[in-house]
Each structure stands twice: as C-alpha cells, then as structure tokens.
C-alpha cells in the first residue's frame, strides 16, 4: 500500500483543479449532443464536434465516466474508440 506525502497530494489536487473545469464544460456540451473525437492532424488531438479542443488529461477523465461510451470506431482493432458519446448520467 502506498502512502502519499502531503506534497504529492497537493500536486495531484492542483492538477485536478486545472482539469475539472474543462471536464465539466465538455460534459455539458456532450449532454447537449456533441461528441468527443480523437483526430490525428498532425498529431493525436481530442476535439468536440463543436470544434472545441479538449486536453488529453480531460479526455481520459471523461472516457472513464460510466455515462460516456465509445461508439466503436477505432483505427486499429484493440485500441480505444475514436468517438465518444453521452448516453446517460455521468
């Protein structure tokens, strides 16, 4: 079992304080019908169908929520989906 130091906990809290507002904005857009897409131009980048870019950290937190599902389209067979949609409470 790992025991985290106060410094580690402060660092994690600061990171979440930066990412959480973005997660809430993206979830609100997804509730309204927007989808989250992974694009490859020129490097991997997350974006909503509204054109808003999404950070990788926020996208990972959003994909982990139970009400967000991948719609099954992936470039390679065993990877995450490239499109994610809102299906219910998250």
Protein backbone atom coordinates (compact mmCIF):
# COMPACT_ATOMS: atom_id res chain seq x y z
CA UNK A 1 0.00 0.00 0.00
CA UNK A 2 1.34 3.40 -0.98
CA UNK A 3 1.19 6.27 1.46
CA UNK A 4 1.17 9.60 -0.34
CA UNK A 5 3.02 12.56 1.06
CA UNK A 6 1.32 15.93 1.50
CA UNK A 7 3.43 17.29 -1.37
CA UNK A 8 2.21 14.55 -3.73
CA UNK A 9 -1.39 15.15 -2.69
CA UNK A 10 -1.08 18.93 -3.25
CA UNK A 11 0.38 18.31 -6.72
CA UNK A 12 -2.47 15.97 -7.63
CA UNK A 13 -5.05 18.41 -6.28
CA UNK A 14 -3.60 21.29 -8.32
CA UNK A 15 -3.73 19.17 -11.48
CA UNK A 16 -7.36 18.22 -10.87
CA UNK A 17 -8.23 21.86 -10.11
CA UNK A 18 -6.92 22.75 -13.58
CA UNK A 19 -8.63 19.86 -15.40
CA UNK A 20 -12.03 19.66 -13.65
CA UNK A 21 -13.50 22.91 -15.09
CA UNK A 22 -12.65 21.70 -18.59
CA UNK A 23 -14.23 18.30 -17.86
CA UNK A 24 -17.45 20.00 -16.72
CA UNK A 25 -17.58 22.20 -19.85
CA UNK A 26 -17.04 19.20 -22.13
CA UNK A 27 -19.66 17.10 -20.32
CA UNK A 28 -22.18 19.94 -20.63
CA UNK A 29 -21.53 20.10 -24.38
CA UNK A 30 -21.84 16.31 -24.66
CA UNK A 31 -25.16 16.38 -22.79
CA UNK A 32 -26.31 18.81 -25.47
CA UNK A 33 -25.43 16.36 -28.25
CA UNK A 34 -21.75 17.00 -29.04
CA UNK A 35 -19.44 14.02 -29.47
CA UNK A 36 -15.80 13.73 -28.41
CA UNK A 37 -13.48 12.77 -31.29
CA UNK A 38 -9.84 11.76 -31.46
CA UNK A 39 -8.23 13.30 -34.53
CA UNK A 40 -4.78 12.77 -35.99
CA UNK A 41 -3.82 16.10 -37.54
CA UNK A 42 -0.83 16.33 -37.39
CA UNK A 43 -0.60 14.62 -34.01
CA UNK A 44 -3.30 12.98 -31.84
CA UNK A 45 -5.70 15.61 -30.55
CA UNK A 46 -9.12 15.46 -28.87
CA UNK A 47 -11.92 17.75 -30.04
CA UNK A 48 -15.67 18.10 -29.72
CA UNK A 49 -17.90 18.12 -32.80
CA UNK A 50 -18.45 21.81 -31.99
CA UNK A 51 -14.78 22.44 -32.84
CA UNK A 52 -13.62 22.94 -29.25
CA UNK A 53 -10.29 21.26 -28.49
CA UNK A 54 -10.04 19.09 -25.38
CA UNK A 55 -6.85 18.29 -23.46
CA UNK A 56 -5.66 14.72 -23.24
CA UNK A 57 -5.99 14.75 -19.43
CA UNK A 58 -9.63 15.89 -19.61
CA UNK A 59 -10.44 13.35 -22.34
CA UNK A 60 -9.07 10.50 -20.20
CA UNK A 61 -11.20 11.57 -17.23
CA UNK A 62 -14.28 11.88 -19.44
CA UNK A 63 -13.80 8.45 -21.03
CA UNK A 64 -13.63 6.87 -17.56
CA UNK A 65 -17.14 8.07 -16.64
CA UNK A 66 -19.93 5.46 -16.74
CA UNK A 67 -22.34 7.56 -18.85
CA UNK A 68 -19.82 8.09 -21.65
CA UNK A 69 -19.35 5.30 -24.19
CA UNK A 70 -17.16 4.72 -27.21
CA UNK A 71 -19.20 4.21 -30.34
CA UNK A 72 -16.86 1.54 -31.62
CA UNK A 73 -14.86 3.15 -34.37
CA UNK A 74 -11.13 2.70 -33.86
CA UNK A 75 -8.33 2.95 -36.33
CA UNK A 76 -6.70 -0.25 -35.06
CA UNK A 77 -8.58 -3.23 -33.60
CA UNK A 78 -7.56 -3.26 -29.94
CA UNK A 79 -7.44 0.48 -29.22
CA UNK A 80 -9.92 2.89 -27.70
CA UNK A 81 -12.73 4.17 -29.86
CA UNK A 82 -12.11 7.44 -31.66
CA UNK A 83 -15.61 8.78 -30.97
CA UNK A 84 -17.26 9.01 -27.55
CA UNK A 85 -20.87 9.99 -26.80
CA UNK A 86 -23.06 10.80 -23.82
CA UNK A 87 -25.60 8.05 -23.07
CA UNK A 88 -26.76 8.79 -19.56
CA UNK A 89 -25.79 10.01 -16.10
CA UNK A 90 -22.07 10.63 -15.72
